[in-house]
Amino acid sequence: PELLRKTIQQNFGMDVEHFVAIDIEGFVHVVDTVAPEGIEVNIKQQIIDDMGLALQPGRQLLHGKDLLAYARFRHDAESDFGRVKRQQEVLQALKDAFANKVSSLDGMFQLPGIGQELLKYIDTDMDIQTMLTVGGSLLLNPVEDVETMRIPVDAGYEDKFYEHAGAVLQLDFQKNKEALKEFFIHD
């Protein structure tokens, strides 16, 4: 995490104050805890075939491992950009599922158990007091819309090939820095 923090600072001039990370196993448990009924996504035959899923194409409710496979898929024309889009879609759906779960009285009573279960799979540099403060703030002031962006931004990179490294995306750092600044500062 510290190397990532330094890399973001060096490349984009942004200080990251805190981090929260979850591993693959943790993702599966988070999905199954927060959305035991599953998360609905539109799954294509190419994803089903590539990931070896026992599903039909179209709108499907996916659970932990299958939703992870959906979010990690990158063997289509969109490659890593499509994977980022699917990951953003899944995180938005998880946010909505969590908000729906804790909006009821029963869900509020389940919250401490859910939090305790999820903490097993989360790595963060926040102390428990900071996490409780942030969590409480989110419960009292639910986030309605989550805006996302992808780095590199469109027209903010070139496809290059280097003998020593292979195929790479060569970033236009200035264009991406400006896009990040606008993303965080806009009204």
N, C-alpha and C. Protein backbone atom coordinates (compact mmCIF):
# COMPACT_ATOMS: atom_id res chain seq x y z
N PRO A 1 0.81 -1.22 0.00
CA PRO A 1 0.00 0.00 0.00
C PRO A 1 0.85 1.28 0.00
N GLU A 2 1.95 1.24 0.73
CA GLU A 2 2.79 2.44 0.79
C GLU A 2 3.43 2.73 -0.57
N LEU A 3 3.86 1.68 -1.27
CA LEU A 3 4.43 1.88 -2.61
C LEU A 3 3.37 2.45 -3.55
N LEU A 4 2.15 1.95 -3.48
CA LEU A 4 1.06 2.48 -4.32
C LEU A 4 0.81 3.94 -3.98
N ARG A 5 0.79 4.25 -2.71
CA ARG A 5 0.59 5.64 -2.27
C ARG A 5 1.68 6.55 -2.86
N LYS A 6 2.94 6.11 -2.78
CA LYS A 6 4.05 6.89 -3.32
C LYS A 6 3.97 7.00 -4.84
N THR A 7 3.55 5.92 -5.50
CA THR A 7 3.43 5.93 -6.96
C THR A 7 2.36 6.92 -7.41
N ILE A 8 1.22 6.93 -6.72
CA ILE A 8 0.15 7.88 -7.05
C ILE A 8 0.64 9.31 -6.82
N GLN A 9 1.35 9.53 -5.72
CA GLN A 9 1.89 10.86 -5.43
C GLN A 9 2.86 11.30 -6.52
N GLN A 10 3.79 10.42 -6.87
CA GLN A 10 4.81 10.77 -7.86
C GLN A 10 4.21 11.00 -9.25
N ASN A 11 3.29 10.15 -9.66
CA ASN A 11 2.76 10.23 -11.02
C ASN A 11 1.62 11.23 -11.20
N PHE A 12 0.83 11.43 -10.15
CA PHE A 12 -0.37 12.26 -10.31
C PHE A 12 -0.44 13.43 -9.33
N GLY A 13 0.54 13.54 -8.43
CA GLY A 13 0.57 14.66 -7.50
C GLY A 13 -0.56 14.64 -6.49
N MET A 14 -1.08 13.46 -6.16
CA MET A 14 -2.19 13.34 -5.21
C MET A 14 -1.72 12.58 -3.99
N ASP A 15 -2.10 13.09 -2.82
CA ASP A 15 -1.81 12.39 -1.57
C ASP A 15 -3.01 11.52 -1.21
N VAL A 16 -2.76 10.25 -0.99
CA VAL A 16 -3.81 9.33 -0.55
C VAL A 16 -3.68 9.22 0.96
N GLU A 17 -4.73 9.60 1.67
CA GLU A 17 -4.66 9.64 3.13
C GLU A 17 -4.80 8.25 3.75
N HIS A 18 -5.74 7.45 3.26
CA HIS A 18 -5.99 6.12 3.82
C HIS A 18 -6.28 5.15 2.70
N PHE A 19 -6.17 3.86 3.02
CA PHE A 19 -6.51 2.84 2.05
C PHE A 19 -7.34 1.75 2.72
N VAL A 20 -8.14 1.09 1.91
CA VAL A 20 -8.87 -0.11 2.31
C VAL A 20 -8.65 -1.10 1.18
N ALA A 21 -8.17 -2.28 1.52
CA ALA A 21 -7.93 -3.32 0.51
C ALA A 21 -8.65 -4.59 0.92
N ILE A 22 -9.07 -5.31 -0.09
CA ILE A 22 -9.73 -6.60 0.15
C ILE A 22 -9.16 -7.59 -0.84
N ASP A 23 -8.87 -8.81 -0.38
CA ASP A 23 -8.33 -9.82 -1.28
C ASP A 23 -9.45 -10.57 -1.98
N ILE A 24 -9.09 -11.46 -2.87
CA ILE A 24 -10.08 -12.18 -3.68
C ILE A 24 -11.02 -13.01 -2.82
N GLU A 25 -10.48 -13.73 -1.86
CA GLU A 25 -11.32 -14.53 -0.97
C GLU A 25 -12.27 -13.63 -0.19
N GLY A 26 -11.74 -12.50 0.24
CA GLY A 26 -12.56 -11.55 0.97
C GLY A 26 -13.69 -10.99 0.13
N PHE A 27 -13.42 -10.74 -1.15
CA PHE A 27 -14.45 -10.22 -2.05
C PHE A 27 -15.63 -11.19 -2.10
N VAL A 28 -15.34 -12.49 -2.23
CA VAL A 28 -16.39 -13.51 -2.29
C VAL A 28 -17.23 -13.46 -1.02
N HIS A 29 -16.58 -13.37 0.14
CA HIS A 29 -17.31 -13.32 1.42
C HIS A 29 -18.11 -12.03 1.56
N VAL A 30 -17.54 -10.92 1.12
CA VAL A 30 -18.26 -9.65 1.19
C VAL A 30 -19.53 -9.72 0.36
N VAL A 31 -19.42 -10.21 -0.87
CA VAL A 31 -20.60 -10.32 -1.74
C VAL A 31 -21.65 -11.22 -1.09
N ASP A 32 -21.23 -12.37 -0.60
CA ASP A 32 -22.20 -13.32 -0.04
C ASP A 32 -22.78 -12.84 1.29
N THR A 33 -22.07 -11.96 2.00
CA THR A 33 -22.58 -11.39 3.25
C THR A 33 -23.52 -10.21 2.97
N VAL A 34 -23.09 -9.32 2.10
CA VAL A 34 -23.86 -8.10 1.83
C VAL A 34 -25.05 -8.37 0.92
N ALA A 35 -24.88 -9.27 -0.04
CA ALA A 35 -25.95 -9.55 -1.02
C ALA A 35 -26.13 -11.06 -1.17
N PRO A 36 -26.65 -11.73 -0.13
CA PRO A 36 -26.80 -13.19 -0.21
C PRO A 36 -27.73 -13.65 -1.34
N GLU A 37 -28.61 -12.75 -1.79
CA GLU A 37 -29.49 -13.11 -2.92
C GLU A 37 -28.78 -12.94 -4.26
N GLY A 38 -27.58 -12.35 -4.26
CA GLY A 38 -26.79 -12.17 -5.48
C GLY A 38 -26.87 -10.74 -6.00
N ILE A 39 -26.05 -10.48 -6.99
CA ILE A 39 -26.01 -9.19 -7.67
C ILE A 39 -26.37 -9.45 -9.13
N GLU A 40 -27.33 -8.68 -9.65
CA GLU A 40 -27.77 -8.89 -11.03
C GLU A 40 -26.85 -8.16 -12.01
N VAL A 41 -26.37 -8.92 -13.00
CA VAL A 41 -25.53 -8.36 -14.06
C VAL A 41 -25.98 -8.97 -15.38
N ASN A 42 -25.59 -8.33 -16.47
CA ASN A 42 -25.86 -8.84 -17.81
C ASN A 42 -24.62 -9.59 -18.28
N ILE A 43 -24.69 -10.89 -18.30
CA ILE A 43 -23.51 -11.70 -18.61
C ILE A 43 -23.58 -12.21 -20.05
N LYS A 44 -22.46 -12.08 -20.74
CA LYS A 44 -22.39 -12.48 -22.15
C LYS A 44 -21.81 -13.87 -22.28
N GLN A 45 -22.14 -14.54 -23.37
CA GLN A 45 -21.68 -15.91 -23.60
C GLN A 45 -20.16 -16.01 -23.57
N GLN A 46 -19.47 -15.01 -24.08
CA GLN A 46 -18.00 -15.03 -24.09
C GLN A 46 -17.44 -15.11 -22.66
N ILE A 47 -18.05 -14.41 -21.73
CA ILE A 47 -17.61 -14.45 -20.33
C ILE A 47 -17.91 -15.83 -19.75
N ILE A 48 -19.10 -16.35 -20.04
CA ILE A 48 -19.49 -17.67 -19.54
C ILE A 48 -18.50 -18.72 -20.01
N ASP A 49 -18.18 -18.69 -21.31
CA ASP A 49 -17.26 -19.69 -21.86
C ASP A 49 -15.86 -19.54 -21.29
N ASP A 50 -15.36 -18.31 -21.24
CA ASP A 50 -14.00 -18.07 -20.78
C ASP A 50 -13.81 -18.44 -19.31
N MET A 51 -14.79 -18.12 -18.49
CA MET A 51 -14.66 -18.35 -17.05
C MET A 51 -15.22 -19.70 -16.61
N GLY A 52 -15.77 -20.48 -17.55
CA GLY A 52 -16.29 -21.80 -17.21
C GLY A 52 -17.48 -21.75 -16.26
N LEU A 53 -18.37 -20.79 -16.47
CA LEU A 53 -19.53 -20.62 -15.60
C LEU A 53 -20.70 -21.45 -16.10
N ALA A 54 -21.47 -22.03 -15.20
CA ALA A 54 -22.64 -22.82 -15.56
C ALA A 54 -23.86 -21.91 -15.56
N LEU A 55 -23.90 -21.00 -16.55
CA LEU A 55 -24.96 -20.00 -16.63
C LEU A 55 -25.44 -19.84 -18.07
N GLN A 56 -26.54 -19.13 -18.22
CA GLN A 56 -27.04 -18.75 -19.53
C GLN A 56 -26.77 -17.26 -19.73
N PRO A 57 -26.58 -16.81 -20.99
CA PRO A 57 -26.38 -15.37 -21.23
C PRO A 57 -27.62 -14.56 -20.84
N GLY A 58 -27.40 -13.30 -20.53
CA GLY A 58 -28.49 -12.40 -20.17
C GLY A 58 -28.39 -11.96 -18.73
N ARG A 59 -29.47 -11.36 -18.22
CA ARG A 59 -29.50 -10.87 -16.84
C ARG A 59 -29.50 -12.06 -15.88
N GLN A 60 -28.53 -12.08 -14.99
CA GLN A 60 -28.39 -13.18 -14.05
C GLN A 60 -28.06 -12.63 -12.67
N LEU A 61 -28.48 -13.33 -11.64
CA LEU A 61 -28.06 -13.04 -10.28
C LEU A 61 -26.81 -13.86 -10.01
N LEU A 62 -25.70 -13.19 -9.78
CA LEU A 62 -24.45 -13.88 -9.50
C LEU A 62 -24.09 -13.75 -8.03
N HIS A 63 -23.50 -14.81 -7.49
CA HIS A 63 -23.04 -14.82 -6.11
C HIS A 63 -21.52 -14.73 -6.11
N GLY A 64 -20.93 -14.72 -4.93
CA GLY A 64 -19.52 -14.51 -4.69
C GLY A 64 -18.56 -14.92 -5.79
N LYS A 65 -18.30 -16.22 -5.96
CA LYS A 65 -17.27 -16.67 -6.90
C LYS A 65 -17.61 -16.34 -8.35
N ASP A 66 -18.88 -16.51 -8.72
CA ASP A 66 -19.27 -16.20 -10.10
C ASP A 66 -19.20 -14.70 -10.36
N LEU A 67 -19.57 -13.87 -9.37
CA LEU A 67 -19.49 -12.43 -9.55
C LEU A 67 -18.03 -11.99 -9.64
N LEU A 68 -17.17 -12.64 -8.89
CA LEU A 68 -15.74 -12.35 -8.98
C LEU A 68 -15.23 -12.67 -10.38
N ALA A 69 -15.63 -13.82 -10.93
CA ALA A 69 -15.21 -14.19 -12.28
C ALA A 69 -15.70 -13.15 -13.29
N TYR A 70 -16.95 -12.71 -13.15
CA TYR A 70 -17.50 -11.67 -14.02
C TYR A 70 -16.67 -10.40 -13.94
N ALA A 71 -16.36 -9.96 -12.72
CA ALA A 71 -15.63 -8.70 -12.52
C ALA A 71 -14.18 -8.79 -13.01
N ARG A 72 -13.60 -9.99 -13.04
CA ARG A 72 -12.19 -10.14 -13.41
C ARG A 72 -12.00 -10.43 -14.90
N PHE A 73 -13.06 -10.76 -15.62
CA PHE A 73 -12.95 -11.13 -17.03
C PHE A 73 -12.35 -9.99 -17.85
N ARG A 74 -11.40 -10.32 -18.74
CA ARG A 74 -10.78 -9.28 -19.57
C ARG A 74 -10.37 -9.78 -20.94
N HIS A 75 -10.97 -10.84 -21.42
CA HIS A 75 -10.56 -11.43 -22.70
C HIS A 75 -11.52 -11.11 -23.84
N ASP A 76 -11.98 -9.88 -23.89
CA ASP A 76 -12.81 -9.44 -25.00
C ASP A 76 -12.17 -8.21 -25.63
N ALA A 77 -12.87 -7.58 -26.52
CA ALA A 77 -12.31 -6.42 -27.24
C ALA A 77 -12.00 -5.26 -26.31
N GLU A 78 -12.68 -5.18 -25.16
CA GLU A 78 -12.44 -4.07 -24.22
C GLU A 78 -11.28 -4.34 -23.27
N SER A 79 -10.81 -5.57 -23.20
CA SER A 79 -9.65 -5.96 -22.40
C SER A 79 -9.74 -5.42 -20.97
N ASP A 80 -8.67 -4.82 -20.48
CA ASP A 80 -8.65 -4.31 -19.11
C ASP A 80 -9.64 -3.18 -18.89
N PHE A 81 -9.94 -2.40 -19.93
CA PHE A 81 -10.91 -1.32 -19.79
C PHE A 81 -12.30 -1.87 -19.50
N GLY A 82 -12.66 -2.97 -20.15
CA GLY A 82 -13.94 -3.62 -19.87
C GLY A 82 -13.98 -4.19 -18.47
N ARG A 83 -12.85 -4.74 -18.03
CA ARG A 83 -12.78 -5.27 -16.67
C ARG A 83 -12.99 -4.14 -15.65
N VAL A 84 -12.35 -3.00 -15.86
CA VAL A 84 -12.54 -1.86 -14.95
C VAL A 84 -14.01 -1.46 -14.92
N LYS A 85 -14.65 -1.40 -16.09
CA LYS A 85 -16.07 -1.03 -16.16
C LYS A 85 -16.94 -2.03 -15.37
N ARG A 86 -16.65 -3.33 -15.52
CA ARG A 86 -17.41 -4.34 -14.78
C ARG A 86 -17.15 -4.23 -13.28
N GLN A 87 -15.91 -3.97 -12.89
CA GLN A 87 -15.60 -3.83 -11.46
C GLN A 87 -16.33 -2.62 -10.87
N GLN A 88 -16.38 -1.52 -11.61
CA GLN A 88 -17.12 -0.35 -11.13
C GLN A 88 -18.61 -0.67 -11.01
N GLU A 89 -19.14 -1.39 -11.97
CA GLU A 89 -20.55 -1.80 -11.94
C GLU A 89 -20.84 -2.64 -10.70
N VAL A 90 -19.96 -3.60 -10.42
CA VAL A 90 -20.14 -4.49 -9.27
C VAL A 90 -20.04 -3.72 -7.96
N LEU A 91 -19.07 -2.83 -7.84
CA LEU A 91 -18.93 -2.05 -6.61
C LEU A 91 -20.14 -1.16 -6.38
N GLN A 92 -20.68 -0.56 -7.44
CA GLN A 92 -21.89 0.25 -7.32
C GLN A 92 -23.06 -0.62 -6.84
N ALA A 93 -23.20 -1.80 -7.41
CA ALA A 93 -24.29 -2.70 -7.02
C ALA A 93 -24.12 -3.16 -5.57
N LEU A 94 -22.88 -3.41 -5.14
CA LEU A 94 -22.64 -3.79 -3.75
C LEU A 94 -22.98 -2.64 -2.80
N LYS A 95 -22.63 -1.43 -3.19
CA LYS A 95 -22.97 -0.26 -2.37
C LYS A 95 -24.49 -0.17 -2.21
N ASP A 96 -25.21 -0.36 -3.31
CA ASP A 96 -26.67 -0.29 -3.27
C ASP A 96 -27.25 -1.42 -2.41
N ALA A 97 -26.70 -2.63 -2.56
CA ALA A 97 -27.18 -3.78 -1.78
C ALA A 97 -26.95 -3.54 -0.29
N PHE A 98 -25.78 -2.99 0.05
CA PHE A 98 -25.47 -2.71 1.45
C PHE A 98 -26.42 -1.65 2.00
N ALA A 99 -26.64 -0.59 1.24
CA ALA A 99 -27.54 0.48 1.67
C ALA A 99 -28.95 -0.06 1.89
N ASN A 100 -29.42 -0.93 0.98
CA ASN A 100 -30.75 -1.52 1.13
C ASN A 100 -30.82 -2.42 2.36
N LYS A 101 -29.74 -3.16 2.60
CA LYS A 101 -29.71 -4.10 3.72
C LYS A 101 -29.81 -3.37 5.05
N VAL A 102 -29.08 -2.29 5.21
CA VAL A 102 -29.06 -1.60 6.51
C VAL A 102 -30.15 -0.53 6.63
N SER A 103 -30.97 -0.36 5.61
CA SER A 103 -32.02 0.66 5.69
C SER A 103 -33.22 0.19 6.51
N SER A 104 -33.33 -1.12 6.74
CA SER A 104 -34.45 -1.63 7.54
C SER A 104 -34.01 -1.76 9.00
N LEU A 105 -34.98 -1.86 9.89
CA LEU A 105 -34.69 -2.03 11.31
C LEU A 105 -33.94 -3.34 11.54
N ASP A 106 -34.39 -4.39 10.87
CA ASP A 106 -33.71 -5.69 10.97
C ASP A 106 -32.26 -5.59 10.48
N GLY A 107 -32.08 -4.87 9.39
CA GLY A 107 -30.73 -4.68 8.84
C GLY A 107 -29.84 -3.91 9.78
N MET A 108 -30.40 -2.93 10.47
CA MET A 108 -29.61 -2.16 11.44
C MET A 108 -29.14 -3.06 12.57
N PHE A 109 -29.99 -3.98 13.02
CA PHE A 109 -29.59 -4.91 14.08
C PHE A 109 -28.53 -5.89 13.59
N GLN A 110 -28.53 -6.20 12.31
CA GLN A 110 -27.53 -7.12 11.74
C GLN A 110 -26.18 -6.43 11.49
N LEU A 111 -26.17 -5.11 11.47
CA LEU A 111 -24.98 -4.35 11.10
C LEU A 111 -23.73 -4.70 11.90
N PRO A 112 -23.79 -4.79 13.23
CA PRO A 112 -22.55 -5.15 13.95
C PRO A 112 -21.99 -6.51 13.53
N GLY A 113 -22.84 -7.49 13.32
CA GLY A 113 -22.38 -8.81 12.88
C GLY A 113 -21.80 -8.77 11.48
N ILE A 114 -22.45 -8.01 10.60
CA ILE A 114 -21.95 -7.86 9.23
C ILE A 114 -20.59 -7.18 9.26
N GLY A 115 -20.49 -6.11 10.04
CA GLY A 115 -19.22 -5.39 10.14
C GLY A 115 -18.11 -6.27 10.66
N GLN A 116 -18.41 -7.04 11.69
CA GLN A 116 -17.40 -7.94 12.27
C GLN A 116 -16.98 -9.00 11.26
N GLU A 117 -17.92 -9.52 10.50
CA GLU A 117 -17.60 -10.53 9.48
C GLU A 117 -16.73 -9.93 8.38
N LEU A 118 -17.07 -8.73 7.92
CA LEU A 118 -16.34 -8.11 6.82
C LEU A 118 -14.94 -7.69 7.22
N LEU A 119 -14.76 -7.28 8.48
CA LEU A 119 -13.44 -6.84 8.94
C LEU A 119 -12.38 -7.93 8.83
N LYS A 120 -12.79 -9.19 8.83
CA LYS A 120 -11.83 -10.30 8.69
C LYS A 120 -11.11 -10.26 7.35
N TYR A 121 -11.74 -9.64 6.35
CA TYR A 121 -11.23 -9.70 4.99
C TYR A 121 -10.68 -8.36 4.49
N ILE A 122 -10.66 -7.37 5.35
CA ILE A 122 -10.25 -6.04 4.95
C ILE A 122 -8.90 -5.70 5.59
N ASP A 123 -8.02 -5.11 4.78
CA ASP A 123 -6.76 -4.57 5.27
C ASP A 123 -6.83 -3.06 5.09
N THR A 124 -6.52 -2.33 6.14
CA THR A 124 -6.58 -0.87 6.07
C THR A 124 -5.57 -0.26 7.03
N ASP A 125 -5.23 0.97 6.78
CA ASP A 125 -4.34 1.69 7.70
C ASP A 125 -5.14 2.56 8.66
N MET A 126 -6.46 2.49 8.58
CA MET A 126 -7.30 3.27 9.49
C MET A 126 -7.42 2.53 10.82
N ASP A 127 -7.40 3.30 11.90
CA ASP A 127 -7.65 2.69 13.21
C ASP A 127 -9.16 2.48 13.36
N ILE A 128 -9.55 1.71 14.35
CA ILE A 128 -10.95 1.36 14.52
C ILE A 128 -11.82 2.59 14.74
N GLN A 129 -11.32 3.59 15.45
CA GLN A 129 -12.08 4.81 15.70
C GLN A 129 -12.38 5.55 14.38
N THR A 130 -11.38 5.64 13.51
CA THR A 130 -11.57 6.31 12.22
C THR A 130 -12.58 5.53 11.38
N MET A 131 -12.46 4.20 11.38
CA MET A 131 -13.41 3.38 10.60
C MET A 131 -14.83 3.55 11.13
N LEU A 132 -14.99 3.58 12.45
CA LEU A 132 -16.33 3.77 13.01
C LEU A 132 -16.88 5.15 12.68
N THR A 133 -16.02 6.15 12.70
CA THR A 133 -16.45 7.51 12.36
C THR A 133 -16.90 7.59 10.90
N VAL A 134 -16.08 7.03 10.00
CA VAL A 134 -16.43 7.04 8.58
C VAL A 134 -17.71 6.22 8.35
N GLY A 135 -17.77 5.03 8.95
CA GLY A 135 -18.95 4.17 8.79
C GLY A 135 -20.20 4.83 9.31
N GLY A 136 -20.10 5.46 10.50
CA GLY A 136 -21.26 6.15 11.06
C GLY A 136 -21.70 7.29 10.19
N SER A 137 -20.74 8.03 9.66
CA SER A 137 -21.07 9.15 8.77
C SER A 137 -21.79 8.65 7.52
N LEU A 138 -21.33 7.54 6.98
CA LEU A 138 -21.99 6.99 5.79
C LEU A 138 -23.39 6.49 6.09
N LEU A 139 -23.60 5.95 7.28
CA LEU A 139 -24.95 5.50 7.65
C LEU A 139 -25.89 6.68 7.84
N LEU A 140 -25.40 7.74 8.46
CA LEU A 140 -26.24 8.92 8.69
C LEU A 140 -26.43 9.76 7.43
N ASN A 141 -25.46 9.72 6.53
CA ASN A 141 -25.51 10.49 5.29
C ASN A 141 -25.22 9.56 4.12
N PRO A 142 -26.19 8.70 3.77
CA PRO A 142 -25.92 7.71 2.72
C PRO A 142 -25.49 8.36 1.41
N VAL A 143 -24.59 7.70 0.74
CA VAL A 143 -24.10 8.16 -0.56
C VAL A 143 -25.11 7.71 -1.61
N GLU A 144 -25.69 8.67 -2.29
CA GLU A 144 -26.70 8.36 -3.31
C GLU A 144 -26.04 7.93 -4.62
N ASP A 145 -25.13 8.75 -5.10
CA ASP A 145 -24.48 8.47 -6.37
C ASP A 145 -22.98 8.37 -6.18
N VAL A 146 -22.40 7.38 -6.82
CA VAL A 146 -20.96 7.22 -6.80
C VAL A 146 -20.45 7.50 -8.20
N GLU A 147 -19.56 8.47 -8.32
CA GLU A 147 -18.97 8.76 -9.62
C GLU A 147 -17.66 8.01 -9.72
N THR A 148 -17.37 7.51 -10.91
CA THR A 148 -16.13 6.79 -11.13
C THR A 148 -15.42 7.35 -12.35
N MET A 149 -14.15 7.04 -12.43
CA MET A 149 -13.40 7.37 -13.63
C MET A 149 -12.35 6.30 -13.81
N ARG A 150 -11.80 6.24 -15.00
CA ARG A 150 -10.75 5.27 -15.32
C ARG A 150 -9.50 6.03 -15.71
N ILE A 151 -8.39 5.59 -15.18
CA ILE A 151 -7.08 6.08 -15.61
C ILE A 151 -6.42 4.94 -16.34
N PRO A 152 -5.94 5.12 -17.54
CA PRO A 152 -5.86 6.37 -18.27
C PRO A 152 -7.21 6.76 -18.88
N VAL A 153 -7.42 8.07 -18.98
CA VAL A 153 -8.63 8.58 -19.60
C VAL A 153 -8.55 8.38 -21.11
N ASP A 154 -9.70 8.43 -21.76
CA ASP A 154 -9.71 8.34 -23.23
C ASP A 154 -8.82 9.44 -23.79
N ALA A 155 -8.07 9.12 -24.81
CA ALA A 155 -7.12 10.03 -25.46
C ALA A 155 -6.01 10.48 -24.51
N GLY A 156 -5.83 9.73 -23.41
CA GLY A 156 -4.79 10.06 -22.46
C GLY A 156 -3.67 9.03 -22.44
N TYR A 157 -3.55 8.27 -23.54
CA TYR A 157 -2.52 7.24 -23.63
C TYR A 157 -2.32 6.85 -25.09
N GLU A 158 -1.22 6.16 -25.34
CA GLU A 158 -0.95 5.59 -26.65
C GLU A 158 -0.56 4.13 -26.46
N ASP A 159 -0.97 3.28 -27.40
CA ASP A 159 -0.49 1.90 -27.41
C ASP A 159 0.92 1.91 -27.97
N LYS A 160 1.85 1.34 -27.22
CA LYS A 160 3.26 1.29 -27.64
C LYS A 160 3.77 -0.13 -27.48
N PHE A 161 4.86 -0.42 -28.17
CA PHE A 161 5.55 -1.70 -28.01
C PHE A 161 7.04 -1.43 -27.83
N TYR A 162 7.58 -1.99 -26.76
CA TYR A 162 9.01 -1.86 -26.48
C TYR A 162 9.59 -3.27 -26.40
N GLU A 163 10.71 -3.46 -27.06
CA GLU A 163 11.34 -4.79 -27.10
C GLU A 163 11.55 -5.35 -25.70
N HIS A 164 12.00 -4.53 -24.78
CA HIS A 164 12.32 -5.02 -23.43
C HIS A 164 11.09 -5.20 -22.54
N ALA A 165 9.95 -4.61 -22.92
CA ALA A 165 8.78 -4.65 -22.05
C ALA A 165 7.53 -5.23 -22.73
N GLY A 166 7.48 -5.23 -24.04
CA GLY A 166 6.29 -5.71 -24.75
C GLY A 166 5.29 -4.59 -24.97
N ALA A 167 4.02 -4.96 -25.06
CA ALA A 167 2.94 -3.99 -25.30
C ALA A 167 2.65 -3.23 -24.02
N VAL A 168 2.59 -1.91 -24.12
CA VAL A 168 2.32 -1.07 -22.96
C VAL A 168 1.38 0.07 -23.37
N LEU A 169 0.75 0.66 -22.37
CA LEU A 169 0.01 1.90 -22.56
C LEU A 169 0.92 3.01 -22.06
N GLN A 170 1.31 3.89 -22.96
CA GLN A 170 2.16 5.01 -22.57
C GLN A 170 1.25 6.19 -22.24
N LEU A 171 1.24 6.56 -20.97
CA LEU A 171 0.34 7.60 -20.50
C LEU A 171 0.83 9.00 -20.86
N ASP A 172 -0.14 9.85 -21.14
CA ASP A 172 0.08 11.28 -21.20
C ASP A 172 -0.23 11.75 -19.78
N PHE A 173 0.82 11.83 -18.95
CA PHE A 173 0.61 12.12 -17.53
C PHE A 173 -0.07 13.45 -17.30
N GLN A 174 0.24 14.46 -18.09
CA GLN A 174 -0.38 15.76 -17.89
C GLN A 174 -1.88 15.69 -18.12
N LYS A 175 -2.29 15.03 -19.19
CA LYS A 175 -3.73 14.91 -19.50
C LYS A 175 -4.46 14.14 -18.39
N ASN A 176 -3.82 13.08 -17.88
CA ASN A 176 -4.44 12.29 -16.83
C ASN A 176 -4.47 13.03 -15.50
N LYS A 177 -3.43 13.80 -15.20
CA LYS A 177 -3.41 14.63 -13.98
C LYS A 177 -4.55 15.65 -14.03
N GLU A 178 -4.71 16.29 -15.17
CA GLU A 178 -5.77 17.29 -15.32
C GLU A 178 -7.15 16.66 -15.16
N ALA A 179 -7.33 15.47 -15.72
CA ALA A 179 -8.61 14.77 -15.60
C ALA A 179 -8.89 14.40 -14.14
N LEU A 180 -7.89 13.95 -13.42
CA LEU A 180 -8.06 13.63 -12.00
C LEU A 180 -8.42 14.87 -11.20
N LYS A 181 -7.71 15.94 -11.46
CA LYS A 181 -7.99 17.20 -10.74
C LYS A 181 -9.43 17.63 -10.99
N GLU A 182 -9.85 17.60 -12.25
CA GLU A 182 -11.23 17.98 -12.58
C GLU A 182 -12.24 17.05 -11.92
N PHE A 183 -11.93 15.76 -11.88
CA PHE A 183 -12.83 14.78 -11.29
C PHE A 183 -13.05 15.07 -9.81
N PHE A 184 -11.99 15.39 -9.09
CA PHE A 184 -12.10 15.61 -7.65
C PHE A 184 -12.55 17.00 -7.26
N ILE A 185 -12.38 17.96 -8.14
CA ILE A 185 -12.70 19.34 -7.79
C ILE A 185 -14.05 19.80 -8.34
N HIS A 186 -14.56 19.16 -9.40
CA HIS A 186 -15.79 19.67 -10.03
C HIS A 186 -16.95 19.76 -9.04
N ASP A 187 -17.90 20.61 -9.37
CA ASP A 187 -19.07 20.83 -8.51
C ASP A 187 -20.10 19.76 -8.72
